């Protein structure tokens, strides 16, 4: 049975925090919907100390950002985007339109159609998350989205040059320096200066994630991508230093980022606990990572590999780093995860920044029912049908009877009128609805 050497805050405490976030976001979105740009500007000034004449960057503003990015930095951004674009294209190539004659005279098919517009949120208030621009903008571009709007918060008093360059190189059509709920609300609801989009994508803090949840239905969303989560599955083939580095490398995202070690070695578990404390003293982001570890960190010891799979599937973590004798076993048997990182040679940071897979992934156990952001998230698979007169008669006979079975008179008449016109049939014998004379 799994044993917990360390646990985080209680579920009740999490629920209380969630309720406060939910109410705050609800009020903010109501104000943005009611007052548009005025509310957006007020929130930006209050929360980010940012109230420029225009939140949207013009071409001159974008070029000024290019001038502040070194040649090396631009080359690194272009390298990362090439990997992400390449894998997104591979994914898109796996999608295809279909059309098939499923029975004589019945043609069924589907088309893969990109959504017309998306709003991409790029986190950047605490850390300039340049990679998030690649993940959403580049992938949407490969999918064929016509209008790509991007928002990132101000960083140290203005637009972050590297984020702006990444947004522009990725193919963004409109770039705004605007953060938080006010950015997500403006893109989804629309204001006097921002035309609304059809879909919101991108990760964010708990407020951004909650805003997306509340806006779902008004617009589409990619998935619920809140504070970063990481799960390390390890055995005694690795050491505590490596496990601690991988845990804290994700815990530094923010004070509410869960980091969990799952192992079948209590020796490794205790070594990792000691290493976490040592590394926190020397990690430049140790204050943030330390709070996340204190409040949301867990260490779980299992009795077997099979139990580790069972526990891991129950956690359904966003990132799962597997460092065991047989990482393939977890790929073959796990079913709930955002992304797997197999073996000690790779790590979550590769996926976050450069390797080509998308880093916008499901959190808070959403991996039980969805995968992460990929090119297919931007594409609607829409069906169509064509039918000959002869096939309409054959299908119509079945349809008429089935509609009668369900007591749908109007549906039945849709079939019956075609039976009369195309088949010359007396439909009275096909069956009737209760209470309707023959």
Protein backbone atom coordinates (compact mmCIF):
# COMPACT_ATOMS: atom_id res chain seq x y z
CA UNK A 1 0.00 0.00 0.00
CA UNK A 2 1.25 3.48 -0.87
CA UNK A 3 2.80 5.40 2.03
CA UNK A 4 3.04 9.19 2.15
CA UNK A 5 6.34 10.48 3.56
CA UNK A 6 5.24 14.03 2.78
CA UNK A 7 1.85 15.56 2.00
CA UNK A 8 0.73 19.01 0.94
CA UNK A 9 -2.11 21.22 2.11
CA UNK A 10 -5.51 19.67 2.71
CA UNK A 11 -8.25 19.36 0.13
CA UNK A 12 -10.39 21.69 2.25
CA UNK A 13 -7.73 24.39 2.11
CA UNK A 14 -7.49 23.97 -1.65
CA UNK A 15 -11.27 24.25 -1.95
CA UNK A 16 -11.32 27.46 0.09
CA UNK A 17 -8.61 28.97 -2.10
CA UNK A 18 -10.47 27.91 -5.23
CA UNK A 19 -13.68 29.54 -4.03
CA UNK A 20 -11.94 32.87 -3.48
CA UNK A 21 -10.36 32.74 -6.93
CA UNK A 22 -13.69 31.82 -8.51
CA UNK A 23 -15.48 34.80 -6.97
CA UNK A 24 -12.72 37.25 -7.90
CA UNK A 25 -12.68 36.10 -11.51
CA UNK A 26 -16.46 36.13 -11.77
CA UNK A 27 -16.57 39.76 -10.66
CA UNK A 28 -13.77 40.78 -13.01
CA UNK A 29 -15.35 39.18 -16.06
CA UNK A 30 -18.69 40.79 -15.27
CA UNK A 31 -17.01 44.20 -15.17
CA UNK A 32 -15.15 43.59 -18.43
CA UNK A 33 -18.34 42.50 -20.17
CA UNK A 34 -20.22 45.51 -18.85
CA UNK A 35 -17.60 48.25 -19.20
CA UNK A 36 -15.19 46.96 -21.84
CA UNK A 37 -11.94 48.86 -22.29
CA UNK A 38 -12.48 50.98 -19.19
CA UNK A 39 -12.57 47.92 -16.94
CA UNK A 40 -9.61 46.32 -18.72
CA UNK A 41 -7.54 49.47 -18.23
CA UNK A 42 -8.48 49.74 -14.56
CA UNK A 43 -7.47 46.16 -13.83
CA UNK A 44 -4.22 46.49 -15.77
CA UNK A 45 -3.30 49.65 -13.90
CA UNK A 46 -4.20 48.14 -10.53
CA UNK A 47 -2.71 44.68 -10.95
CA UNK A 48 0.21 45.30 -13.32
CA UNK A 49 0.86 49.06 -12.94
CA UNK A 50 0.46 49.22 -16.73
CA UNK A 51 -1.79 51.70 -18.53
CA UNK A 52 -0.32 52.65 -21.91
CA UNK A 53 -2.13 54.72 -24.51
CA UNK A 54 -2.76 51.55 -26.50
CA UNK A 55 -2.34 47.97 -25.29
CA UNK A 56 -1.89 46.74 -28.86
CA UNK A 57 1.66 46.89 -30.19
CA UNK A 58 2.14 48.57 -33.55
CA UNK A 59 4.77 47.56 -36.06
CA UNK A 60 7.22 50.13 -34.73
CA UNK A 61 6.79 48.75 -31.21
CA UNK A 62 7.46 45.23 -32.46
CA UNK A 63 10.55 46.30 -34.38
CA UNK A 64 11.84 48.03 -31.24
CA UNK A 65 11.58 44.67 -29.47
CA UNK A 66 13.59 42.98 -32.23
CA UNK A 67 16.32 45.57 -31.66
CA UNK A 68 16.55 44.54 -28.01
CA UNK A 69 16.93 40.82 -28.72
CA UNK A 70 20.42 39.53 -29.47
CA UNK A 71 21.24 37.48 -32.56
CA UNK A 72 21.86 34.45 -30.34
CA UNK A 73 18.52 34.85 -28.58
CA UNK A 74 16.67 35.19 -31.89
CA UNK A 75 18.43 32.12 -33.29
CA UNK A 76 17.46 30.13 -30.19
CA UNK A 77 13.82 31.22 -30.56
CA UNK A 78 13.87 30.25 -34.23
CA UNK A 79 15.39 26.84 -33.40
CA UNK A 80 12.69 26.12 -30.83
CA UNK A 81 9.94 27.23 -33.19
CA UNK A 82 11.34 25.02 -35.95
CA UNK A 83 11.05 21.97 -33.69
CA UNK A 84 7.51 22.85 -32.61
CA UNK A 85 6.43 23.69 -36.16
CA UNK A 86 7.90 20.44 -37.46
CA UNK A 87 6.11 18.24 -34.94
CA UNK A 88 2.85 20.16 -35.38
CA UNK A 89 3.08 19.54 -39.12
CA UNK A 90 3.61 15.83 -38.48
CA UNK A 91 0.47 15.86 -36.34
CA UNK A 92 -1.50 17.75 -38.98
CA UNK A 93 -0.41 15.31 -41.66
CA UNK A 94 -1.95 12.53 -39.56
CA UNK A 95 -5.35 14.20 -39.97
CA UNK A 96 -7.17 13.71 -43.23
CA UNK A 97 -10.50 14.47 -44.77
CA UNK A 98 -12.57 11.38 -45.57
CA UNK A 99 -15.42 10.60 -47.96
CA UNK A 100 -16.88 7.15 -48.38
CA UNK A 101 -19.91 5.50 -49.99
CA UNK A 102 -21.12 3.59 -46.94
CA UNK A 103 -24.02 1.93 -48.80
CA UNK A 104 -25.21 2.33 -52.38
CA UNK A 105 -26.08 5.98 -52.92
CA UNK A 106 -25.05 7.19 -49.44
CA UNK A 107 -21.92 9.34 -49.32
CA UNK A 108 -20.61 10.30 -45.87
CA UNK A 109 -17.55 12.33 -45.09
CA UNK A 110 -15.82 14.76 -42.83
CA UNK A 111 -13.67 17.83 -43.33
CA UNK A 112 -11.04 19.17 -40.97
CA UNK A 113 -11.64 22.92 -40.71
CA UNK A 114 -9.45 25.32 -38.68
CA UNK A 115 -11.19 27.65 -36.26
CA UNK A 116 -11.28 31.20 -37.60
CA UNK A 117 -9.71 33.05 -34.67
CA UNK A 118 -7.90 32.28 -31.43
CA UNK A 119 -6.66 34.24 -28.46
CA UNK A 120 -3.32 33.06 -27.12
CA UNK A 121 -2.36 33.91 -23.56
CA UNK A 122 1.38 33.95 -22.86
CA UNK A 123 2.26 34.10 -19.14
CA UNK A 124 5.01 36.55 -18.35
CA UNK A 125 4.45 38.51 -15.18
CA UNK A 126 6.86 36.59 -12.92
CA UNK A 127 8.87 34.78 -15.60
CA UNK A 128 8.84 35.77 -19.29
CA UNK A 129 7.40 32.55 -20.72
CA UNK A 130 8.75 32.92 -24.23
CA UNK A 131 8.10 29.25 -24.97
CA UNK A 132 4.35 29.64 -24.50
CA UNK A 133 4.26 31.86 -27.56
CA UNK A 134 5.78 29.06 -29.62
CA UNK A 135 3.38 26.47 -28.31
CA UNK A 136 0.14 28.27 -29.13
CA UNK A 137 0.96 30.68 -31.96
CA UNK A 138 3.13 28.38 -34.05
CA UNK A 139 0.78 25.44 -33.62
CA UNK A 140 -2.28 27.54 -34.54
CA UNK A 141 -0.46 28.81 -37.61
CA UNK A 142 0.30 25.27 -38.77
CA UNK A 143 -3.36 24.37 -38.22
CA UNK A 144 -4.42 27.20 -40.55
CA UNK A 145 -6.07 29.60 -38.09
CA UNK A 146 -6.79 32.87 -39.92
CA UNK A 147 -6.56 35.36 -37.03
CA UNK A 148 -4.20 34.85 -34.11
CA UNK A 149 -4.41 37.32 -31.24
CA UNK A 150 -1.82 37.20 -28.47
CA UNK A 151 -1.61 38.76 -25.02
CA UNK A 152 1.28 38.76 -22.57
CA UNK A 153 1.55 40.86 -19.42
CA UNK A 154 4.09 43.65 -19.01
CA UNK A 155 7.46 42.57 -17.69
CA UNK A 156 9.60 45.05 -15.78
CA UNK A 157 7.50 47.96 -16.96
CA UNK A 158 6.76 47.13 -20.58
CA UNK A 159 6.48 44.47 -23.28
CA UNK A 160 9.03 41.70 -22.90
CA UNK A 161 11.13 41.88 -26.09
CA UNK A 162 11.75 38.14 -26.38
CA UNK A 163 8.06 37.29 -25.96
CA UNK A 164 7.08 39.86 -28.59
CA UNK A 165 9.68 38.55 -31.04
CA UNK A 166 8.49 34.98 -30.45
CA UNK A 167 4.86 36.00 -30.98
CA UNK A 168 5.74 37.82 -34.18
CA UNK A 169 8.01 35.11 -35.59
CA UNK A 170 5.36 32.53 -34.75
CA UNK A 171 2.79 34.33 -36.90
CA UNK A 172 0.62 36.38 -34.55
CA UNK A 173 -1.66 38.88 -36.28
CA UNK A 174 -2.36 41.09 -33.25
CA UNK A 175 -0.01 41.46 -30.29
CA UNK A 176 -1.15 43.07 -27.03
CA UNK A 177 0.83 43.84 -23.89
CA UNK A 178 -1.90 42.91 -21.45
CA UNK A 179 -2.02 40.31 -18.72
CA UNK A 180 -4.19 38.26 -16.42
CA UNK A 181 -7.96 37.93 -16.33
CA UNK A 182 -8.30 41.28 -18.09
CA UNK A 183 -6.43 39.93 -21.12
CA UNK A 184 -8.38 36.68 -21.29
CA UNK A 185 -11.66 38.52 -20.76
CA UNK A 186 -10.92 41.10 -23.45
CA UNK A 187 -10.06 38.43 -26.02
CA UNK A 188 -13.09 36.26 -25.24
CA UNK A 189 -15.77 38.88 -24.61
CA UNK A 190 -14.48 41.64 -26.85
CA UNK A 191 -14.20 45.34 -26.02
CA UNK A 192 -14.30 48.56 -28.00
CA UNK A 193 -10.70 47.96 -29.10
CA UNK A 194 -10.42 44.16 -29.16
CA UNK A 195 -12.54 42.03 -31.46
CA UNK A 196 -13.58 38.81 -29.72
CA UNK A 197 -12.04 35.49 -30.70
CA UNK A 198 -13.59 32.06 -31.13
CA UNK A 199 -11.20 30.15 -28.87
CA UNK A 200 -8.80 30.76 -25.98
CA UNK A 201 -5.53 28.85 -25.59
CA UNK A 202 -2.47 28.94 -23.41
CA UNK A 203 -1.47 28.27 -19.80
CA UNK A 204 -1.64 30.69 -16.90
CA UNK A 205 -1.94 31.07 -13.16
CA UNK A 206 -4.98 30.03 -11.15
CA UNK A 207 -6.86 33.23 -12.08
CA UNK A 208 -6.27 32.81 -15.81
CA UNK A 209 -7.23 29.13 -15.64
CA UNK A 210 -10.42 29.98 -13.76
CA UNK A 211 -11.27 32.73 -16.26
CA UNK A 212 -10.99 30.22 -19.09
CA UNK A 213 -13.22 27.81 -17.19
CA UNK A 214 -15.89 30.47 -16.69
CA UNK A 215 -15.68 31.62 -20.31
CA UNK A 216 -15.94 28.11 -21.77
CA UNK A 217 -19.10 27.95 -23.81
CA UNK A 218 -18.90 31.61 -24.75
CA UNK A 219 -15.71 30.61 -26.53
CA UNK A 220 -13.87 27.37 -26.96
CA UNK A 221 -10.80 26.61 -24.88
CA UNK A 222 -7.88 24.31 -25.42
CA UNK A 223 -8.03 22.74 -21.95
CA UNK A 224 -7.77 23.61 -18.29
CA UNK A 225 -4.09 24.51 -17.99
CA UNK A 226 -3.47 26.03 -14.60
CA UNK A 227 -0.39 26.02 -12.35
CA UNK A 228 2.27 23.57 -13.48
CA UNK A 229 2.31 20.05 -12.02
CA UNK A 230 5.09 17.50 -12.13
CA UNK A 231 5.20 13.86 -11.08
CA UNK A 232 8.54 12.06 -10.86
CA UNK A 233 8.31 8.26 -11.02
CA UNK A 234 11.66 6.81 -10.04
CA UNK A 235 13.37 3.73 -8.65
CA UNK A 236 16.84 3.07 -7.29
CA UNK A 237 18.46 3.37 -10.71
CA UNK A 238 18.64 7.13 -10.12
CA UNK A 239 19.63 9.30 -7.18
CA UNK A 240 18.07 11.93 -4.99
CA UNK A 241 20.02 14.78 -6.55
CA UNK A 242 18.49 14.16 -9.97
CA UNK A 243 14.99 13.68 -8.57
CA UNK A 244 15.22 16.86 -6.51
CA UNK A 245 16.43 18.89 -9.49
CA UNK A 246 13.49 17.71 -11.59
CA UNK A 247 10.99 18.39 -8.80
CA UNK A 248 12.23 21.91 -8.07
CA UNK A 249 12.65 22.69 -11.76
CA UNK A 250 8.87 22.69 -12.00
CA UNK A 251 8.02 23.87 -8.49
CA UNK A 252 9.71 27.18 -9.32
CA UNK A 253 6.82 28.03 -11.66
CA UNK A 254 4.79 29.33 -8.76
CA UNK A 255 3.77 28.82 -5.14
CA UNK A 256 0.81 26.60 -6.05
CA UNK A 257 2.66 24.21 -8.40
CA UNK A 258 2.45 20.60 -7.18
CA UNK A 259 5.63 18.51 -7.34
CA UNK A 260 5.36 14.83 -6.42
CA UNK A 261 7.86 12.00 -6.12
CA UNK A 262 6.45 8.50 -6.59
CA UNK A 263 8.91 5.68 -5.94
CA UNK A 264 9.24 2.08 -4.80
CA UNK A 265 12.46 2.91 -2.94
CA UNK A 266 12.18 4.48 0.51
CA UNK A 267 15.94 5.04 0.41
CA UNK A 268 15.54 7.18 -2.70
CA UNK A 269 12.53 8.95 -1.18
CA UNK A 270 14.47 10.02 1.91
CA UNK A 271 17.54 10.97 -0.13
CA UNK A 272 15.36 13.15 -2.35
CA UNK A 273 13.79 14.88 0.65
CA UNK A 274 17.26 15.76 1.91
CA UNK A 275 18.40 16.90 -1.53
CA UNK A 276 15.38 19.15 -1.97
CA UNK A 277 16.29 20.99 1.22
CA UNK A 278 19.92 21.32 0.13
CA UNK A 279 19.09 22.56 -3.35
CA UNK A 280 16.50 25.03 -2.10
CA UNK A 281 19.27 26.87 -0.26
CA UNK A 282 21.25 27.47 -3.45
CA UNK A 283 18.53 27.68 -6.11
CA UNK A 284 18.03 31.33 -7.19
CA UNK A 285 14.28 30.70 -7.39
CA UNK A 286 14.31 28.78 -4.12
CA UNK A 287 11.85 31.04 -2.36
CA UNK A 288 9.06 30.32 -4.86
CA UNK A 289 9.99 26.67 -5.32
CA UNK A 290 10.25 26.23 -1.56
CA UNK A 291 6.73 27.52 -0.96
CA UNK A 292 5.34 25.24 -3.67
CA UNK A 293 7.22 22.29 -2.21
CA UNK A 294 6.10 23.06 1.34
CA UNK A 295 2.42 23.47 0.46
CA UNK A 296 1.98 21.17 -2.55
CA UNK A 297 4.92 18.77 -2.55
CA UNK A 298 4.39 15.07 -1.89
CA UNK A 299 6.57 11.99 -1.54
CA UNK A 300 4.83 8.64 -2.01
CA UNK A 301 6.41 5.20 -1.57
CA UNK A 302 4.80 2.22 -3.30
CA UNK A 303 5.39 -1.49 -2.97
CA UNK A 304 5.64 -2.36 -6.67
CA UNK A 305 5.84 -1.03 -10.21
CA UNK A 306 2.21 -2.00 -10.76
CA UNK A 307 1.15 0.06 -7.75
CA UNK A 308 3.13 3.03 -9.02
CA UNK A 309 1.16 2.90 -12.26
CA UNK A 310 -2.12 2.72 -10.34
CA UNK A 311 -1.23 5.67 -8.10
CA UNK A 312 0.13 7.70 -11.02
CA UNK A 313 -3.06 7.20 -13.02
CA UNK A 314 -5.04 8.38 -10.02
CA UNK A 315 -2.94 11.54 -9.78
CA UNK A 316 -3.29 12.15 -13.55
CA UNK A 317 -0.45 14.68 -13.52
CA UNK A 318 0.37 17.21 -16.20
CA UNK A 319 4.05 16.19 -16.54
CA UNK A 320 5.25 12.70 -15.69
CA UNK A 321 9.01 12.09 -15.62
CA UNK A 322 9.80 8.34 -15.60
CA UNK A 323 13.28 7.34 -14.40
CA UNK A 324 13.13 3.59 -13.82
CA UNK A 325 14.73 0.40 -15.11
CA UNK A 326 11.95 0.02 -17.68
CA UNK A 327 10.37 3.35 -18.66
CA UNK A 328 8.59 1.60 -21.54
CA UNK A 329 6.43 -0.23 -19.00
CA UNK A 330 4.86 3.06 -17.98
CA UNK A 331 4.28 4.12 -21.59
CA UNK A 332 2.57 0.77 -22.18
CA UNK A 333 0.42 0.81 -19.04
CA UNK A 334 -0.28 4.38 -17.93
CA UNK A 335 -3.47 6.02 -19.23
CA UNK A 336 -3.75 9.38 -17.42
CA UNK A 337 -1.04 11.98 -18.04
CA UNK A 338 -0.44 15.17 -19.98
CA UNK A 339 2.98 14.21 -21.30
CA UNK A 340 5.48 11.46 -20.51
CA UNK A 341 9.24 12.00 -20.32
CA UNK A 342 10.86 8.61 -20.53
CA UNK A 343 14.26 7.96 -19.00
CA UNK A 344 16.75 10.13 -17.10
CA UNK A 345 18.22 11.46 -20.35
CA UNK A 346 15.16 13.66 -20.99
CA UNK A 347 13.25 15.94 -18.67
CA UNK A 348 10.22 18.23 -18.46
CA UNK A 349 12.28 21.31 -19.25
CA UNK A 350 13.03 19.93 -22.73
CA UNK A 351 9.31 19.66 -23.39
CA UNK A 352 8.65 23.05 -21.84
CA UNK A 353 11.10 24.90 -24.01
CA UNK A 354 12.43 23.33 -27.15
CA UNK A 355 12.12 19.67 -28.11
CA UNK A 356 8.95 20.01 -30.19
CA UNK A 357 6.09 18.54 -28.17
CA UNK A 358 3.61 21.07 -26.82
CA UNK A 359 3.93 22.27 -23.23
CA UNK A 360 0.31 23.40 -22.79
CA UNK A 361 -1.02 20.36 -20.97
CA UNK A 362 -3.98 19.35 -18.77
CA UNK A 363 -3.75 20.05 -15.04
CA UNK A 364 -5.89 19.27 -11.99
CA UNK A 365 -6.59 15.70 -13.16
CA UNK A 366 -8.01 16.82 -16.52
CA UNK A 367 -5.61 14.29 -18.07
CA UNK A 368 -8.28 11.71 -17.25
CA UNK A 369 -10.28 12.96 -20.23
CA UNK A 370 -8.09 15.09 -22.48
CA UNK A 371 -4.61 15.35 -23.86
CA UNK A 372 -2.61 18.52 -24.28
CA UNK A 373 -2.62 21.26 -26.86
CA UNK A 374 -1.80 20.04 -30.36
CA UNK A 375 -2.61 21.05 -33.89
CA UNK A 376 -5.88 19.13 -33.78
CA UNK A 377 -7.21 21.35 -30.97
CA UNK A 378 -7.44 24.18 -33.49
CA UNK A 379 -9.31 22.07 -36.02
CA UNK A 380 -13.00 21.17 -36.13
CA UNK A 381 -13.84 17.82 -37.68
CA UNK A 382 -17.19 18.46 -39.39
CA UNK A 383 -19.29 15.80 -41.08
CA UNK A 384 -21.44 15.99 -44.22
CA UNK A 385 -23.66 13.67 -46.25
CA UNK A 386 -25.00 13.28 -49.79
CA UNK A 387 -27.75 10.83 -50.78
CA UNK A 388 -29.23 9.73 -54.11
CA UNK A 389 -33.02 9.50 -54.60
CA UNK A 390 -32.91 5.74 -54.50
CA UNK A 391 -30.86 5.72 -51.29
CA UNK A 392 -33.12 8.36 -49.75
CA UNK A 393 -36.07 5.98 -50.18
CA UNK A 394 -34.23 3.08 -48.57
CA UNK A 395 -32.90 5.13 -45.64
CA UNK A 396 -36.23 6.96 -45.35
CA UNK A 397 -38.18 3.79 -44.66
CA UNK A 398 -35.99 3.01 -41.67
CA UNK A 399 -35.98 6.63 -40.56
CA UNK A 400 -39.78 6.91 -40.71
CA UNK A 401 -40.27 3.88 -38.49
CA UNK A 402 -37.58 4.94 -36.03
CA UNK A 403 -39.11 8.41 -35.73
CA UNK A 404 -42.46 6.83 -34.99
CA UNK A 405 -40.79 4.73 -32.31
CA UNK A 406 -39.63 7.97 -30.65
CA UNK A 407 -42.95 9.82 -31.19
CA UNK A 408 -41.28 12.53 -33.30
CA UNK A 409 -43.98 13.50 -35.80
CA UNK A 410 -42.01 16.30 -37.46
CA UNK A 411 -38.93 14.14 -37.87
CA UNK A 412 -41.10 11.37 -39.35
CA UNK A 413 -42.58 13.76 -41.90
CA UNK A 414 -39.09 14.74 -43.04
CA UNK A 415 -38.60 11.13 -44.07
CA UNK A 416 -42.15 10.56 -45.32
CA UNK A 417 -42.19 13.51 -47.71
CA UNK A 418 -39.15 12.08 -49.46
CA UNK A 419 -40.68 8.61 -49.59
CA UNK A 420 -43.71 10.10 -51.33
CA UNK A 421 -41.71 12.24 -53.75
CA UNK A 422 -38.84 9.95 -54.61
CA UNK A 423 -40.40 6.53 -54.13
CA UNK A 424 -44.07 7.14 -54.81
CA UNK A 425 -44.78 5.25 -51.63
CA UNK A 426 -47.93 5.17 -49.56
CA UNK A 427 -46.26 5.80 -46.21
CA UNK A 428 -49.38 5.06 -44.21
CA UNK A 429 -48.31 1.45 -43.86
CA UNK A 430 -44.88 2.23 -42.50
CA UNK A 431 -46.20 2.85 -38.98
CA UNK A 432 -47.88 5.74 -37.34
CA UNK A 433 -47.54 7.78 -34.22
CA UNK A 434 -49.81 7.00 -31.27
CA UNK A 435 -52.97 9.02 -31.55
CA UNK A 436 -52.50 9.78 -35.27
CA UNK A 437 -55.07 8.29 -37.65
CA UNK A 438 -53.93 6.14 -40.54
